[in-house]
Amino acid sequence: QVQLVESGGGLVQAGGSLRLSCAASGSGLSINVMSWYRQAPGKLREFVASITSVGTTNYADSVVGRFTISRDNAKLSLQMNSLKPEDTAVYYCYGVIRAMPSNIISSYWGKGTLVTVSS
């Protein structure tokens, strides 16, 4: 069974930086794409950034130039710089992953980590 566990959230002042991590665990993982989403209070969950198995990245317009997504094997990271109060949200790790013994591609979500940016 695949599990995604996020870490690195916390409280930071506007203009500061945080680095989020997401560790994927399971047997025989083959990762297709991994992404970060976020959900602010009272709002829908929204896409933040993604990275494919060959390293192609994509970002939401609101974070371009400030956030950087990267992956090292089964560990996904999100470097967040120049944080703004509007970046406050629960950040979720999402993965499209093939795992053993089923050898079926499925999508998985982590439970999220809270990022709070104070003004």
N, C-alpha and C. Protein backbone atom coordinates (compact mmCIF):
# COMPACT_ATOMS: atom_id res chain seq x y z
N GLN A 1 0.85 -1.20 0.00
CA GLN A 1 0.00 0.00 0.00
C GLN A 1 0.88 1.24 0.00
N VAL A 2 0.52 2.22 -0.83
CA VAL A 2 1.31 3.43 -0.94
C VAL A 2 0.85 4.45 0.10
N GLN A 3 1.81 5.08 0.73
CA GLN A 3 1.53 6.18 1.66
C GLN A 3 2.35 7.39 1.28
N LEU A 4 1.73 8.55 1.38
CA LEU A 4 2.41 9.81 1.16
C LEU A 4 2.34 10.60 2.46
N VAL A 5 3.49 11.03 2.96
CA VAL A 5 3.53 11.74 4.24
C VAL A 5 4.26 13.06 4.05
N GLU A 6 3.54 14.14 4.30
CA GLU A 6 4.11 15.48 4.17
C GLU A 6 4.75 15.94 5.49
N SER A 7 5.70 16.85 5.36
CA SER A 7 6.31 17.48 6.53
C SER A 7 6.86 18.84 6.11
N GLY A 8 7.18 19.65 7.11
CA GLY A 8 7.84 20.92 6.83
C GLY A 8 6.96 22.15 6.96
N GLY A 9 5.67 21.95 7.20
CA GLY A 9 4.80 23.11 7.36
C GLY A 9 5.09 23.86 8.64
N GLY A 10 4.51 25.04 8.75
CA GLY A 10 4.71 25.83 9.96
C GLY A 10 4.27 27.26 9.77
N LEU A 11 4.68 28.10 10.71
CA LEU A 11 4.35 29.52 10.71
C LEU A 11 5.56 30.32 10.26
N VAL A 12 5.35 31.21 9.32
CA VAL A 12 6.45 32.03 8.81
C VAL A 12 5.92 33.43 8.51
N GLN A 13 6.78 34.42 8.61
CA GLN A 13 6.38 35.78 8.29
C GLN A 13 6.39 35.99 6.78
N ALA A 14 5.60 36.94 6.34
CA ALA A 14 5.57 37.28 4.92
C ALA A 14 6.99 37.63 4.45
N GLY A 15 7.34 37.12 3.27
CA GLY A 15 8.68 37.31 2.74
C GLY A 15 9.64 36.19 3.09
N GLY A 16 9.23 35.33 4.00
CA GLY A 16 10.09 34.24 4.43
C GLY A 16 10.01 33.03 3.52
N SER A 17 10.67 31.96 3.96
CA SER A 17 10.75 30.73 3.16
C SER A 17 10.43 29.51 4.00
N LEU A 18 9.92 28.50 3.33
CA LEU A 18 9.70 27.18 3.92
C LEU A 18 9.98 26.13 2.87
N ARG A 19 10.36 24.97 3.35
CA ARG A 19 10.57 23.83 2.43
C ARG A 19 9.70 22.68 2.89
N LEU A 20 8.79 22.27 2.01
CA LEU A 20 7.94 21.13 2.29
C LEU A 20 8.53 19.87 1.69
N SER A 21 8.30 18.76 2.35
CA SER A 21 8.73 17.47 1.84
C SER A 21 7.57 16.49 1.87
N CYS A 22 7.64 15.51 0.97
CA CYS A 22 6.65 14.45 0.92
C CYS A 22 7.38 13.15 0.64
N ALA A 23 7.25 12.21 1.54
CA ALA A 23 7.91 10.92 1.38
C ALA A 23 6.88 9.87 0.96
N ALA A 24 7.18 9.23 -0.15
CA ALA A 24 6.31 8.15 -0.64
C ALA A 24 6.89 6.82 -0.20
N SER A 25 6.04 5.95 0.32
CA SER A 25 6.50 4.63 0.74
C SER A 25 5.58 3.57 0.18
N GLY A 26 6.15 2.40 -0.03
CA GLY A 26 5.41 1.28 -0.58
C GLY A 26 6.37 0.35 -1.27
N SER A 27 5.83 -0.73 -1.81
CA SER A 27 6.66 -1.74 -2.46
C SER A 27 6.73 -1.52 -3.96
N GLY A 28 7.95 -1.55 -4.48
CA GLY A 28 8.14 -1.50 -5.93
C GLY A 28 7.54 -0.29 -6.59
N LEU A 29 7.77 0.89 -6.02
CA LEU A 29 7.14 2.11 -6.54
C LEU A 29 7.69 2.51 -7.89
N SER A 30 6.78 2.89 -8.76
CA SER A 30 7.14 3.51 -10.03
C SER A 30 6.30 4.78 -10.13
N ILE A 31 6.98 5.91 -9.99
CA ILE A 31 6.26 7.18 -9.87
C ILE A 31 6.08 7.82 -11.23
N ASN A 32 4.84 8.12 -11.58
CA ASN A 32 4.51 8.75 -12.85
C ASN A 32 4.64 10.27 -12.71
N VAL A 33 3.83 10.85 -11.87
CA VAL A 33 3.87 12.28 -11.64
C VAL A 33 3.54 12.53 -10.17
N MET A 34 4.15 13.55 -9.62
CA MET A 34 3.84 13.97 -8.25
C MET A 34 3.58 15.46 -8.25
N SER A 35 2.67 15.86 -7.39
CA SER A 35 2.22 17.25 -7.39
C SER A 35 2.01 17.74 -5.97
N TRP A 36 1.93 19.05 -5.86
CA TRP A 36 1.48 19.73 -4.64
C TRP A 36 0.18 20.46 -4.96
N TYR A 37 -0.76 20.32 -4.06
CA TYR A 37 -2.00 21.08 -4.09
C TYR A 37 -2.13 21.80 -2.75
N ARG A 38 -3.00 22.78 -2.69
CA ARG A 38 -3.24 23.46 -1.42
C ARG A 38 -4.70 23.84 -1.30
N GLN A 39 -5.13 23.96 -0.07
CA GLN A 39 -6.50 24.35 0.21
C GLN A 39 -6.52 25.35 1.34
N ALA A 40 -6.92 26.57 1.00
CA ALA A 40 -7.04 27.63 1.99
C ALA A 40 -8.39 27.53 2.68
N PRO A 41 -8.52 28.09 3.86
CA PRO A 41 -9.80 28.04 4.58
C PRO A 41 -10.94 28.59 3.74
N GLY A 42 -12.00 27.82 3.60
CA GLY A 42 -13.18 28.27 2.87
C GLY A 42 -13.06 28.24 1.36
N LYS A 43 -11.95 27.68 0.87
CA LYS A 43 -11.74 27.64 -0.58
C LYS A 43 -11.57 26.21 -1.07
N LEU A 44 -11.67 26.03 -2.38
CA LEU A 44 -11.47 24.73 -2.98
C LEU A 44 -9.98 24.41 -3.05
N ARG A 45 -9.68 23.12 -3.09
CA ARG A 45 -8.31 22.70 -3.26
C ARG A 45 -7.83 23.12 -4.65
N GLU A 46 -6.60 23.65 -4.71
CA GLU A 46 -6.08 24.13 -5.99
C GLU A 46 -4.69 23.58 -6.27
N PHE A 47 -4.37 23.49 -7.54
CA PHE A 47 -3.07 23.00 -8.00
C PHE A 47 -2.00 24.03 -7.69
N VAL A 48 -0.83 23.53 -7.26
CA VAL A 48 0.31 24.41 -6.99
C VAL A 48 1.45 24.12 -7.98
N ALA A 49 1.88 22.87 -8.03
CA ALA A 49 3.02 22.53 -8.88
C ALA A 49 3.05 21.02 -9.10
N SER A 50 3.68 20.60 -10.20
CA SER A 50 3.82 19.18 -10.48
C SER A 50 5.16 18.91 -11.13
N ILE A 51 5.58 17.64 -11.05
CA ILE A 51 6.81 17.21 -11.69
C ILE A 51 6.61 15.79 -12.20
N THR A 52 6.99 15.55 -13.46
CA THR A 52 6.80 14.24 -14.06
C THR A 52 8.01 13.34 -13.79
N SER A 53 7.90 12.13 -14.27
CA SER A 53 8.99 11.16 -14.06
C SER A 53 10.26 11.56 -14.79
N VAL A 54 10.14 12.40 -15.82
CA VAL A 54 11.33 12.84 -16.55
C VAL A 54 11.75 14.25 -16.15
N GLY A 55 11.11 14.79 -15.11
CA GLY A 55 11.54 16.07 -14.57
C GLY A 55 10.85 17.29 -15.13
N THR A 56 9.84 17.10 -15.93
CA THR A 56 9.11 18.26 -16.45
C THR A 56 8.26 18.86 -15.34
N THR A 57 8.38 20.16 -15.15
CA THR A 57 7.66 20.83 -14.08
C THR A 57 6.59 21.76 -14.63
N ASN A 58 5.61 22.01 -13.78
CA ASN A 58 4.52 22.91 -14.13
C ASN A 58 4.09 23.61 -12.85
N TYR A 59 3.74 24.88 -12.95
CA TYR A 59 3.41 25.68 -11.78
C TYR A 59 2.13 26.48 -12.01
N ALA A 60 1.42 26.71 -10.93
CA ALA A 60 0.31 27.65 -10.97
C ALA A 60 0.88 29.05 -11.16
N ASP A 61 0.14 29.89 -11.86
CA ASP A 61 0.62 31.25 -12.13
C ASP A 61 0.94 32.00 -10.84
N SER A 62 0.21 31.72 -9.80
CA SER A 62 0.36 32.46 -8.55
C SER A 62 1.68 32.17 -7.83
N VAL A 63 2.36 31.10 -8.20
CA VAL A 63 3.59 30.74 -7.49
C VAL A 63 4.82 30.75 -8.39
N VAL A 64 4.65 31.03 -9.67
CA VAL A 64 5.78 31.05 -10.60
C VAL A 64 6.83 32.05 -10.11
N GLY A 65 8.08 31.59 -10.11
CA GLY A 65 9.17 32.47 -9.69
C GLY A 65 9.41 32.49 -8.20
N ARG A 66 8.48 31.90 -7.43
CA ARG A 66 8.64 31.88 -5.97
C ARG A 66 8.79 30.46 -5.43
N PHE A 67 8.11 29.51 -6.04
CA PHE A 67 8.13 28.12 -5.58
C PHE A 67 8.92 27.26 -6.57
N THR A 68 9.61 26.25 -6.04
CA THR A 68 10.33 25.31 -6.88
C THR A 68 10.03 23.89 -6.41
N ILE A 69 9.56 23.07 -7.34
CA ILE A 69 9.27 21.67 -7.04
C ILE A 69 10.44 20.81 -7.50
N SER A 70 10.75 19.78 -6.72
CA SER A 70 11.81 18.86 -7.10
C SER A 70 11.50 17.48 -6.55
N ARG A 71 12.17 16.49 -7.11
CA ARG A 71 11.96 15.12 -6.63
C ARG A 71 13.28 14.36 -6.66
N ASP A 72 13.51 13.60 -5.62
CA ASP A 72 14.68 12.73 -5.52
C ASP A 72 14.17 11.36 -5.15
N ASN A 73 14.08 10.49 -6.16
CA ASN A 73 13.50 9.16 -5.99
C ASN A 73 12.08 9.29 -5.43
N ALA A 74 11.85 8.79 -4.22
CA ALA A 74 10.50 8.79 -3.67
C ALA A 74 10.24 9.97 -2.74
N LYS A 75 11.10 10.98 -2.79
CA LYS A 75 10.91 12.16 -1.95
C LYS A 75 10.65 13.38 -2.82
N LEU A 76 9.50 14.00 -2.56
CA LEU A 76 9.09 15.21 -3.27
C LEU A 76 9.32 16.41 -2.38
N SER A 77 9.78 17.50 -2.95
CA SER A 77 10.01 18.71 -2.17
C SER A 77 9.36 19.92 -2.84
N LEU A 78 9.07 20.92 -2.03
CA LEU A 78 8.58 22.20 -2.54
C LEU A 78 9.27 23.31 -1.77
N GLN A 79 10.17 24.00 -2.44
CA GLN A 79 10.84 25.15 -1.84
C GLN A 79 9.98 26.38 -2.09
N MET A 80 9.57 27.01 -1.02
CA MET A 80 8.68 28.17 -1.12
C MET A 80 9.40 29.40 -0.60
N ASN A 81 9.62 30.36 -1.48
CA ASN A 81 10.29 31.61 -1.13
C ASN A 81 9.32 32.77 -1.30
N SER A 82 9.69 33.90 -0.73
CA SER A 82 8.88 35.12 -0.85
C SER A 82 7.42 34.84 -0.53
N LEU A 83 7.19 34.17 0.57
CA LEU A 83 5.83 33.77 0.92
C LEU A 83 4.94 34.96 1.23
N LYS A 84 3.69 34.81 0.86
CA LYS A 84 2.69 35.85 1.05
C LYS A 84 1.57 35.32 1.96
N PRO A 85 0.86 36.20 2.63
CA PRO A 85 -0.27 35.72 3.46
C PRO A 85 -1.26 34.88 2.67
N GLU A 86 -1.43 35.17 1.40
CA GLU A 86 -2.37 34.39 0.58
C GLU A 86 -1.88 32.99 0.25
N ASP A 87 -0.64 32.68 0.62
CA ASP A 87 -0.13 31.31 0.48
C ASP A 87 -0.55 30.42 1.66
N THR A 88 -1.17 31.02 2.65
CA THR A 88 -1.63 30.25 3.81
C THR A 88 -2.64 29.20 3.38
N ALA A 89 -2.36 27.94 3.72
CA ALA A 89 -3.22 26.84 3.30
C ALA A 89 -2.68 25.54 3.88
N VAL A 90 -3.48 24.50 3.76
CA VAL A 90 -2.98 23.14 3.97
C VAL A 90 -2.44 22.66 2.63
N TYR A 91 -1.21 22.21 2.63
CA TYR A 91 -0.55 21.76 1.41
C TYR A 91 -0.58 20.23 1.38
N TYR A 92 -1.04 19.70 0.25
CA TYR A 92 -1.19 18.27 0.07
C TYR A 92 -0.26 17.75 -1.01
N CYS A 93 0.31 16.61 -0.76
CA CYS A 93 1.11 15.88 -1.72
C CYS A 93 0.19 14.92 -2.48
N TYR A 94 0.38 14.83 -3.78
CA TYR A 94 -0.45 13.97 -4.63
C TYR A 94 0.48 13.21 -5.57
N GLY A 95 0.21 11.93 -5.75
CA GLY A 95 1.04 11.14 -6.62
C GLY A 95 0.25 10.17 -7.48
N VAL A 96 0.71 10.00 -8.71
CA VAL A 96 0.18 8.96 -9.59
C VAL A 96 1.28 7.91 -9.67
N ILE A 97 1.01 6.76 -9.05
CA ILE A 97 2.08 5.82 -8.74
C ILE A 97 1.64 4.40 -9.04
N ARG A 98 2.58 3.64 -9.58
CA ARG A 98 2.38 2.20 -9.76
C ARG A 98 3.14 1.49 -8.65
N ALA A 99 2.46 0.57 -7.98
CA ALA A 99 3.11 -0.13 -6.87
C ALA A 99 2.81 -1.61 -6.94
N MET A 100 3.70 -2.37 -6.30
CA MET A 100 3.51 -3.80 -6.19
C MET A 100 2.71 -4.12 -4.93
N PRO A 101 2.00 -5.23 -4.82
CA PRO A 101 1.95 -6.30 -5.80
C PRO A 101 0.89 -6.11 -6.89
N SER A 102 0.06 -5.07 -6.80
CA SER A 102 -1.03 -4.94 -7.77
C SER A 102 -0.53 -4.57 -9.16
N ASN A 103 0.59 -3.80 -9.19
CA ASN A 103 1.14 -3.32 -10.47
C ASN A 103 0.12 -2.46 -11.23
N ILE A 104 -0.74 -1.80 -10.48
CA ILE A 104 -1.76 -0.94 -11.06
C ILE A 104 -1.41 0.51 -10.74
N ILE A 105 -1.61 1.40 -11.71
CA ILE A 105 -1.38 2.82 -11.48
C ILE A 105 -2.60 3.41 -10.78
N SER A 106 -2.36 4.05 -9.66
CA SER A 106 -3.43 4.69 -8.90
C SER A 106 -2.96 6.05 -8.42
N SER A 107 -3.91 6.85 -7.99
CA SER A 107 -3.57 8.16 -7.44
C SER A 107 -3.70 8.13 -5.92
N TYR A 108 -2.82 8.89 -5.29
CA TYR A 108 -2.77 8.89 -3.83
C TYR A 108 -2.62 10.31 -3.32
N TRP A 109 -3.19 10.55 -2.14
CA TRP A 109 -3.07 11.85 -1.47
C TRP A 109 -2.45 11.67 -0.09
N GLY A 110 -1.64 12.64 0.30
CA GLY A 110 -1.19 12.71 1.68
C GLY A 110 -2.25 13.39 2.52
N LYS A 111 -1.99 13.48 3.83
CA LYS A 111 -2.96 14.08 4.73
C LYS A 111 -2.80 15.58 4.88
N GLY A 112 -1.70 16.11 4.37
CA GLY A 112 -1.52 17.55 4.35
C GLY A 112 -0.66 18.09 5.47
N THR A 113 -0.08 19.25 5.21
CA THR A 113 0.70 19.97 6.22
C THR A 113 0.33 21.45 6.13
N LEU A 114 0.14 22.07 7.29
CA LEU A 114 -0.36 23.44 7.34
C LEU A 114 0.77 24.46 7.21
N VAL A 115 0.58 25.39 6.30
CA VAL A 115 1.50 26.52 6.14
C VAL A 115 0.72 27.79 6.48
N THR A 116 1.24 28.56 7.41
CA THR A 116 0.62 29.81 7.80
C THR A 116 1.61 30.94 7.60
N VAL A 117 1.22 31.93 6.81
CA VAL A 117 2.09 33.07 6.53
C VAL A 117 1.46 34.30 7.17
N SER A 118 2.17 34.89 8.11
CA SER A 118 1.65 36.06 8.82
C SER A 118 2.10 37.34 8.13
N SER A 119 1.26 38.35 8.20
CA SER A 119 1.58 39.62 7.54
C SER A 119 2.35 40.55 8.46
